[in-house]
Every structure is written in structure tokens, then in C-alpha cells.
Amino acid sequence: MSMLGDTLRSLDGPVLITGHTGFKGTWLSIFLESLNIPVVGFSLPALSDSLYIRAGRLGKIPELFGDITSIETIEKVFSSFSPSCIIHLAAESLVLTSYKKPINTFNVNVMGTANILEIATRQPSVRISACITSDKVYENLGKTKAFNENDKIGGLDPYSASKSAAESVITAWRNLSSERNGSKVLSFRAGNVIGGGDLGKDRLIPDIIRSVYFSQDLIIRNQNSTRPWQHVLDPLYGYILGIEHSLNSQSDEILSLNFGPDEPSKSVSDILQIAERFFGVNLLSFSIQNYAQKEEVSLSLDSSKANREINWKPKFNQESAVLKTLDWWKKNLKSKLNADTLCQTDVSDFLNL
């Protein structure tokens, strides 16, 4: 029986992570390193308060920095690294930022994806390209159902629309790649990913951390919104399983996969209550309602296909994912434990679950 990582370790070239300085990219780099899988990175330079900086990741893997919207830059990245596998994470990932900078959001999320796939599907070394989109690619229209991979794609706000457009790009280049006899092209859609080290703007858990440890006001857009919260290691594990399954399979049964919790999505209010119990503080008492932008209230993913096709199931439920995240921050900020050590410990513990 093969072990996780065996197939990726056996490939001729490294795994290229785009967006490796981001929150998920940093966790994925550490995860792949723990499996002894060669990994390289391409990204914009890291933000000063990022997990990448906190964990001292600069120079830990071969890496290049640049703009994903420049196809000439992408060509240089591929010629420098000759990767065998691409995990495309680079994106504008903040919903509220997408309202402020919609053109940039589309440039990065749509043209950035097209640039990566155009070069990847022409590069002989590349065996597989896995593009990471979002749970928000599905046409929601206020529905309360859990979306599956066969549901209609579409978005009403700049972020979800750009991610939905990226899915069209993925489909088009999957067909181009087939004509070119190029790499397999996959699409993975994850839920609301949380975990230690994320201080992204206008995100619930980072906002809670800023409120508890940095005395900043906690602004809640809608405490009744439900989201499929999951610890970052669960979908990353799914990405690796999905890639290895596809590399070992002649068929195309997993072109797209959802990764989300296997329980009903919890509300913002539910998450606040979990955090209140953990920290022993009253968070709801100083929340500020802010309905400035259009966002869907209900969002859930159906991950039964991932369970059926690649035997993936989340190892954390939503409450344990939140508690794991809050505990990471408590150890990092209160006990002053090193971010890199905390991440490596979490990965090791995860693999032994």
C-alpha cells in the first residue's frame, strides 16, 4: 500500500506552489516538506504580518518573486524550476478587497490562472496542474443547499465572479491541454479555510485574534451568515490525495472536487461563541454590524465525491478546527512559541490522526 507522498516524491521535478508566501501556501510548503516532497515557490513578496514572515520561511525553499499577470515572468519561473506538478494558489482572496479593486481581482484570478495554465500545458516536465478556486464559485442565489461539483457555476460579486471565471479558464485549458497532449488540469474547491498564522483583513478568526490580543474593535458583517469552516490541513491533505490519485489513474473522474466539512455549516455567531468560551471573554458585546457589501448568507459544500473517489474525509469538525486555530495563536502570542515549530507540530499531529 502506497504512503501519502510516494507518487509526488517519485516525479522528476518539484512541486511548484504559486502563492507560496500566502497563508495556505505557507502551510502547504511545510506540509510537503514534512512528506519529503521537493517544493519550489512563486509569489508576490510576503506581507509583513504574514505567516510566511512569522515562520521565517524566506529562503527555506527555492523561490522566485513576481507578478502572476505577466506571462513572461511565468515563463521564466517554469524554465527555472522545470516543475512536475503545479498547485496554483496565487489569488486575490479577500472579498472586500475585490470590491475596492475589482479589475485587479479579475486580472489576478482570471488572467493569472490563464497564464499559469498556458505555460504549464506546454511545458513537457509538467504532469499535473491543480488549480485551487473557492466554495464561492457556485451560483448561490440565496440557496441553503450544499453545493456539489455538478451545480451551476456563477458569481454576483467581484470575488465570486472572478473565481467562477477562473473555473471557465480551467475548463478551456483542460481542453487545450488534451489537444496538446499536455498535463492533467484539476480544479479543487475548498470551504472557509482557517488555521494558525492567518491575519488576513476582514476575516472572522483573524479579526477575533486582533480583538483579543491587540484590542482592536471586532466588526461583524452578519453574525447569521453560515460558512463551511475547516482547518487548513484538511483541504491541503485533500489536494495531495487528489493529485496523487489523478497521477495514478488513467481516467478523468476527479477533474473537480469539493473539500468541506461533513456537517452543516456553522454560523458566525456559533464561531464567536466557541471563541468566547476558549478565551473567556465576551466578544458579542462589542461587535459592530456592517452590511456595506453584498455577500451570500448561506454557504455549504457537499464533499461526498471526494470521500467516494479519493477516500478523503475531514479529520477536524468545525468546532475542533476553530479551537485548533485559537490554540495556535494562544501558543504563539501568549506563550511566545515559534510559528514554524507550531506549524510543523500541527502537521505531524495531523498525519498521525
Protein backbone atom coordinates (compact mmCIF):
# COMPACT_ATOMS: atom_id res chain seq x y z
CA MET A 1 0.00 0.00 0.00
CA SER A 2 1.47 3.37 -1.03
CA MET A 3 2.05 6.08 1.55
CA LEU A 4 0.95 9.67 1.19
CA GLY A 5 3.53 11.50 -0.92
CA ASP A 6 5.04 8.44 -2.63
CA THR A 7 3.81 9.42 -6.10
CA LEU A 8 4.90 13.05 -5.84
CA ARG A 9 8.31 12.02 -4.47
CA SER A 10 8.81 9.75 -7.48
CA LEU A 11 8.31 12.51 -10.08
CA ASP A 12 11.30 14.01 -11.90
CA GLY A 13 10.63 17.64 -10.95
CA PRO A 14 9.48 19.54 -7.87
CA VAL A 15 6.01 20.70 -6.92
CA LEU A 16 5.56 24.38 -7.78
CA ILE A 17 3.29 26.31 -5.41
CA THR A 18 2.07 29.63 -6.73
CA GLY A 19 1.18 31.98 -3.90
CA HIS A 20 3.61 30.20 -1.59
CA THR A 21 4.00 33.28 0.63
CA GLY A 22 0.27 33.32 1.38
CA PHE A 23 -1.43 31.66 4.33
CA LYS A 24 -2.38 28.40 2.59
CA GLY A 25 0.82 28.43 0.54
CA THR A 26 2.97 28.60 3.66
CA TRP A 27 1.10 25.75 5.32
CA LEU A 28 1.28 23.69 2.10
CA SER A 29 5.05 24.25 1.78
CA ILE A 30 5.56 22.99 5.33
CA PHE A 31 3.17 20.05 4.72
CA LEU A 32 5.00 18.95 1.54
CA GLU A 33 8.41 19.35 3.23
CA SER A 34 7.22 17.10 6.06
CA LEU A 35 6.50 14.43 3.43
CA ASN A 36 9.97 14.93 1.89
CA ILE A 37 8.44 16.14 -1.38
CA PRO A 38 10.65 18.66 -3.27
CA VAL A 39 8.85 22.01 -3.41
CA VAL A 40 9.53 25.39 -5.05
CA GLY A 41 7.58 28.63 -4.85
CA PHE A 42 6.47 31.62 -6.91
CA SER A 43 4.60 34.54 -5.40
CA LEU A 44 4.46 38.22 -4.69
CA PRO A 45 6.69 39.18 -1.74
CA ALA A 46 5.10 38.35 1.60
CA LEU A 47 3.13 40.80 3.69
CA SER A 48 4.95 41.89 6.85
CA ASP A 49 2.45 40.29 9.24
CA SER A 50 2.07 37.06 7.23
CA LEU A 51 2.60 33.53 8.48
CA TYR A 52 5.42 33.24 5.93
CA ILE A 53 7.32 36.00 7.75
CA ARG A 54 6.30 34.82 11.24
CA ALA A 55 7.59 31.33 10.46
CA GLY A 56 10.87 32.60 8.97
CA ARG A 57 10.19 31.00 5.59
CA LEU A 58 12.23 33.36 3.39
CA GLY A 59 14.82 31.27 1.55
CA LYS A 60 13.64 27.95 3.03
CA ILE A 61 12.74 26.63 -0.42
CA PRO A 62 13.86 27.64 -3.93
CA GLU A 63 11.61 30.58 -4.76
CA LEU A 64 11.04 33.41 -7.19
CA PHE A 65 9.03 36.58 -6.69
CA GLY A 66 6.98 38.38 -9.29
CA ASP A 67 3.60 39.21 -10.81
CA ILE A 68 1.40 36.34 -11.98
CA THR A 69 -0.29 38.60 -14.53
CA SER A 70 2.98 38.77 -16.51
CA ILE A 71 3.20 35.72 -18.76
CA GLU A 72 6.88 36.47 -19.46
CA THR A 73 7.54 36.15 -15.72
CA ILE A 74 5.65 32.84 -15.60
CA GLU A 75 7.76 31.52 -18.49
CA LYS A 76 10.91 32.32 -16.52
CA VAL A 77 9.55 30.52 -13.44
CA PHE A 78 8.82 27.34 -15.39
CA SER A 79 12.13 27.38 -17.22
CA SER A 80 13.98 27.93 -13.92
CA PHE A 81 12.27 25.16 -11.94
CA SER A 82 11.02 22.59 -14.54
CA PRO A 83 8.22 21.55 -12.14
CA SER A 84 6.38 18.25 -12.49
CA CYS A 85 3.28 19.40 -10.60
CA ILE A 86 1.62 22.79 -10.13
CA ILE A 87 -0.57 23.72 -7.17
CA HIS A 88 -1.97 27.09 -8.15
CA LEU A 89 -2.94 29.07 -5.04
CA ALA A 90 -1.94 32.61 -6.06
CA ALA A 91 -5.08 34.77 -5.98
CA GLU A 92 -6.79 37.85 -4.68
CA SER A 93 -8.60 36.06 -1.87
CA LEU A 94 -10.31 38.84 0.11
CA VAL A 95 -13.95 39.53 -0.70
CA LEU A 96 -13.98 43.14 0.49
CA THR A 97 -10.72 43.91 -1.34
CA SER A 98 -12.37 42.63 -4.52
CA TYR A 99 -15.00 45.37 -4.19
CA LYS A 100 -12.32 48.03 -3.84
CA LYS A 101 -10.12 46.66 -6.62
CA PRO A 102 -12.36 44.63 -8.97
CA ILE A 103 -10.13 45.00 -12.06
CA ASN A 104 -7.06 43.80 -10.18
CA THR A 105 -9.11 40.92 -8.74
CA PHE A 106 -10.07 39.77 -12.24
CA ASN A 107 -6.54 40.26 -13.58
CA VAL A 108 -5.05 38.09 -10.84
CA ASN A 109 -7.75 35.44 -10.51
CA VAL A 110 -8.63 35.06 -14.20
CA MET A 111 -5.61 36.10 -16.29
CA GLY A 112 -3.20 34.82 -13.65
CA THR A 113 -4.81 31.37 -13.91
CA ALA A 114 -4.76 31.55 -17.72
CA ASN A 115 -1.05 32.45 -17.70
CA ILE A 116 -0.16 29.57 -15.39
CA LEU A 117 -2.14 27.02 -17.41
CA GLU A 118 -0.93 28.30 -20.79
CA ILE A 119 2.69 27.68 -19.81
CA ALA A 120 2.00 24.55 -17.74
CA THR A 121 0.13 22.78 -20.54
CA ARG A 122 3.00 23.48 -22.95
CA GLN A 123 5.79 22.52 -20.51
CA PRO A 124 6.97 18.91 -21.08
CA SER A 125 8.00 18.45 -17.43
CA VAL A 126 4.51 19.17 -16.03
CA ARG A 127 2.37 16.13 -15.31
CA ILE A 128 -0.50 17.78 -13.48
CA SER A 129 -1.85 21.25 -12.68
CA ALA A 130 -4.20 21.62 -9.70
CA CYS A 131 -5.97 24.98 -9.53
CA ILE A 132 -7.45 25.95 -6.19
CA THR A 133 -10.59 28.04 -6.56
CA SER A 134 -13.27 28.54 -3.90
CA ASP A 135 -16.52 27.40 -2.34
CA LYS A 136 -17.96 30.64 -3.72
CA VAL A 137 -17.80 29.58 -7.39
CA TYR A 138 -21.30 28.11 -7.29
CA GLU A 139 -24.30 30.18 -8.36
CA ASN A 140 -25.83 30.70 -4.93
CA LEU A 141 -28.99 32.80 -5.36
CA GLY A 142 -29.69 32.55 -1.65
CA LYS A 143 -29.98 28.76 -1.68
CA THR A 144 -29.42 26.81 1.54
CA LYS A 145 -28.38 23.56 -0.18
CA ALA A 146 -24.90 22.05 -0.02
CA PHE A 147 -23.36 22.58 -3.45
CA ASN A 148 -21.84 19.66 -5.34
CA GLU A 149 -19.47 19.58 -8.31
CA ASN A 150 -22.32 19.35 -10.84
CA ASP A 151 -24.04 22.54 -9.70
CA LYS A 152 -24.06 25.65 -11.88
CA ILE A 153 -21.04 27.95 -11.65
CA GLY A 154 -21.57 31.70 -11.28
CA GLY A 155 -20.94 34.70 -9.05
CA LEU A 156 -22.67 38.00 -8.27
CA ASP A 157 -19.84 39.89 -6.56
CA PRO A 158 -16.33 40.61 -7.92
CA TYR A 159 -14.62 37.88 -5.89
CA SER A 160 -17.02 35.02 -6.63
CA ALA A 161 -17.44 36.16 -10.24
CA SER A 162 -13.66 36.18 -10.76
CA LYS A 163 -13.35 32.72 -9.24
CA SER A 164 -16.23 31.46 -11.38
CA ALA A 165 -14.49 32.93 -14.43
CA ALA A 166 -11.30 31.14 -13.35
CA GLU A 167 -13.28 27.88 -13.47
CA SER A 168 -14.15 28.65 -17.12
CA VAL A 169 -10.44 29.25 -17.78
CA ILE A 170 -9.62 25.90 -16.16
CA THR A 171 -12.17 24.11 -18.37
CA ALA A 172 -10.87 25.81 -21.52
CA TRP A 173 -7.22 24.99 -20.82
CA ARG A 174 -8.13 21.45 -19.80
CA ASN A 175 -9.47 21.05 -23.33
CA LEU A 176 -6.43 22.81 -24.82
CA SER A 177 -4.13 20.57 -22.81
CA SER A 178 -5.90 17.50 -24.15
CA GLU A 179 -5.30 18.75 -27.70
CA ARG A 180 -1.66 19.49 -26.84
CA ASN A 181 -1.18 16.13 -25.11
CA GLY A 182 -0.24 18.22 -22.05
CA SER A 183 -0.74 17.90 -18.32
CA LYS A 184 -3.92 16.98 -16.50
CA VAL A 185 -5.78 20.03 -15.21
CA LEU A 186 -7.76 19.78 -11.97
CA SER A 187 -9.98 22.15 -10.00
CA PHE A 188 -10.23 21.94 -6.21
CA ARG A 189 -12.82 23.97 -4.30
CA ALA A 190 -12.38 24.40 -0.56
CA GLY A 191 -14.55 25.92 2.14
CA ASN A 192 -13.72 28.75 4.54
CA VAL A 193 -10.19 27.75 5.50
CA ILE A 194 -8.88 28.70 8.95
CA GLY A 195 -5.71 27.95 10.88
CA GLY A 196 -2.86 29.43 12.84
CA GLY A 197 -1.00 32.33 11.29
CA ASP A 198 -3.76 33.92 9.19
CA LEU A 199 -4.12 37.65 9.83
CA GLY A 200 -5.97 38.45 6.58
CA LYS A 201 -8.14 41.56 6.63
CA ASP A 202 -11.91 41.25 7.17
CA ARG A 203 -11.78 37.57 8.09
CA LEU A 204 -13.55 36.36 11.18
CA ILE A 205 -10.84 34.39 13.00
CA PRO A 206 -8.07 36.95 12.33
CA ASP A 207 -10.48 39.69 13.45
CA ILE A 208 -11.13 37.77 16.68
CA ILE A 209 -7.38 37.40 17.25
CA ARG A 210 -6.85 41.13 16.68
CA SER A 211 -9.68 41.87 19.12
CA VAL A 212 -8.41 39.57 21.88
CA TYR A 213 -4.66 40.19 21.61
CA PHE A 214 -4.39 43.63 20.02
CA SER A 215 -7.53 45.31 21.50
CA GLN A 216 -8.97 46.18 18.08
CA ASP A 217 -12.71 46.59 17.59
CA LEU A 218 -14.39 43.46 16.27
CA ILE A 219 -16.51 44.24 13.20
CA ILE A 220 -19.05 41.57 12.26
CA ARG A 221 -20.72 41.88 8.87
CA ASN A 222 -23.50 39.37 9.56
CA GLN A 223 -23.49 37.06 12.56
CA ASN A 224 -26.17 34.87 10.93
CA SER A 225 -24.01 34.03 7.90
CA THR A 226 -23.07 30.36 7.67
CA ARG A 227 -19.81 29.13 6.18
CA PRO A 228 -18.13 25.71 5.79
CA TRP A 229 -15.29 26.36 8.27
CA GLN A 230 -12.38 23.92 8.07
CA HIS A 231 -8.84 23.68 9.35
CA VAL A 232 -6.30 24.42 6.63
CA LEU A 233 -4.65 20.99 6.88
CA ASP A 234 -7.85 19.18 5.86
CA PRO A 235 -8.15 20.61 2.32
CA LEU A 236 -4.35 20.57 1.84
CA TYR A 237 -4.42 16.86 2.62
CA GLY A 238 -7.25 16.55 0.10
CA TYR A 239 -5.26 18.38 -2.59
CA ILE A 240 -2.34 15.97 -2.17
CA LEU A 241 -4.63 12.91 -2.19
CA GLY A 242 -6.46 14.19 -5.27
CA ILE A 243 -3.26 14.93 -7.19
CA GLU A 244 -1.72 11.56 -6.39
CA HIS A 245 -4.92 9.72 -7.27
CA SER A 246 -5.10 11.53 -10.62
CA LEU A 247 -1.42 10.83 -11.37
CA ASN A 248 -2.00 7.13 -10.70
CA SER A 249 -5.24 6.95 -12.70
CA GLN A 250 -5.83 6.80 -16.45
CA SER A 251 -9.38 8.12 -16.11
CA ASP A 252 -10.65 11.65 -15.51
CA GLU A 253 -13.18 11.01 -12.77
CA ILE A 254 -11.86 13.73 -10.45
CA LEU A 255 -11.48 16.77 -12.68
CA SER A 256 -13.15 18.83 -9.93
CA LEU A 257 -13.51 18.13 -6.21
CA ASN A 258 -15.08 19.91 -3.24
CA PHE A 259 -13.40 19.88 0.16
CA GLY A 260 -15.52 20.98 3.10
CA PRO A 261 -16.83 19.84 6.50
CA ASP A 262 -19.16 16.83 6.62
CA GLU A 263 -21.61 18.60 8.95
CA PRO A 264 -23.94 21.59 8.44
CA SER A 265 -22.09 24.90 8.13
CA LYS A 266 -21.80 26.87 11.35
CA SER A 267 -22.81 30.50 11.65
CA VAL A 268 -20.57 33.44 12.51
CA SER A 269 -22.41 33.59 15.84
CA ASP A 270 -21.53 29.92 16.51
CA ILE A 271 -17.84 30.66 15.90
CA LEU A 272 -17.95 33.71 18.18
CA GLN A 273 -19.43 31.60 20.98
CA ILE A 274 -16.68 28.97 20.58
CA ALA A 275 -14.07 31.74 20.80
CA GLU A 276 -15.76 33.31 23.83
CA ARG A 277 -15.60 30.00 25.70
CA PHE A 278 -11.96 29.47 24.69
CA PHE A 279 -10.71 32.93 25.66
CA GLY A 280 -13.16 33.60 28.48
CA VAL A 281 -14.12 36.99 27.04
CA ASN A 282 -17.36 38.47 25.77
CA LEU A 283 -16.93 39.08 22.06
CA LEU A 284 -20.53 39.77 21.10
CA SER A 285 -20.76 42.74 23.45
CA PHE A 286 -18.57 44.94 21.22
CA SER A 287 -19.46 43.63 17.76
CA ILE A 288 -20.45 46.21 15.15
CA GLN A 289 -22.87 45.31 12.38
CA ASN A 290 -21.70 46.30 8.91
CA TYR A 291 -23.77 45.48 5.83
CA ALA A 292 -21.72 47.54 3.41
CA GLN A 293 -21.34 44.89 0.70
CA LYS A 294 -23.35 42.10 -0.88
CA GLU A 295 -22.44 38.64 0.41
CA GLU A 296 -24.36 35.38 0.41
CA VAL A 297 -25.73 34.47 3.85
CA SER A 298 -25.75 30.69 3.48
CA LEU A 299 -22.93 28.60 2.06
CA SER A 300 -22.30 24.84 2.32
CA LEU A 301 -20.31 22.30 0.30
CA ASP A 302 -21.08 18.67 -0.48
CA SER A 303 -17.79 16.75 -0.33
CA SER A 304 -19.22 13.26 -0.86
CA LYS A 305 -17.44 12.93 -4.23
CA ALA A 306 -14.04 13.44 -2.58
CA ASN A 307 -14.97 10.83 0.00
CA ARG A 308 -16.12 8.41 -2.68
CA GLU A 309 -13.34 8.90 -5.24
CA ILE A 310 -10.21 9.50 -3.14
CA ASN A 311 -11.32 8.38 0.34
CA TRP A 312 -10.98 11.90 1.79
CA LYS A 313 -12.75 12.93 4.95
CA PRO A 314 -12.01 15.92 7.20
CA LYS A 315 -10.09 14.99 10.33
CA PHE A 316 -11.42 18.01 12.22
CA ASN A 317 -15.02 19.02 12.72
CA GLN A 318 -15.76 22.74 12.61
CA GLU A 319 -15.53 23.31 16.36
CA SER A 320 -12.23 21.42 16.71
CA ALA A 321 -10.88 23.34 13.68
CA VAL A 322 -11.69 26.64 15.38
CA LEU A 323 -10.23 25.50 18.71
CA LYS A 324 -7.05 24.22 16.99
CA THR A 325 -6.65 27.62 15.33
CA LEU A 326 -7.25 29.63 18.50
CA ASP A 327 -4.85 27.40 20.44
CA TRP A 328 -2.13 28.00 17.79
CA TRP A 329 -2.50 31.75 18.29
CA LYS A 330 -2.55 31.46 22.07
CA LYS A 331 0.71 29.50 22.00
CA ASN A 332 2.29 31.90 19.50
CA LEU A 333 1.22 35.21 21.06
CA LYS A 334 0.90 34.39 24.75
CA SER A 335 3.44 31.60 25.21
CA LYS A 336 5.77 33.02 22.52
CA LEU A 337 6.22 29.66 20.79
CA ASN A 338 7.82 29.83 17.33
CA ALA A 339 5.35 29.89 14.41
CA ASP A 340 7.36 27.44 12.31
CA THR A 341 7.58 24.96 15.18
CA LEU A 342 3.84 25.26 15.82
CA CYS A 343 3.05 24.58 12.16
CA GLN A 344 5.41 21.61 11.97
CA THR A 345 3.92 20.16 15.16
CA ASP A 346 0.38 20.59 13.82
CA VAL A 347 1.31 18.85 10.54
CA SER A 348 2.97 15.97 12.39
CA ASP A 349 -0.02 15.58 14.72
CA PHE A 350 -2.41 15.74 11.74
CA LEU A 351 -0.62 12.97 9.88
CA ASN A 352 -0.85 10.76 12.97
CA LEU A 353 -4.60 11.28 13.44
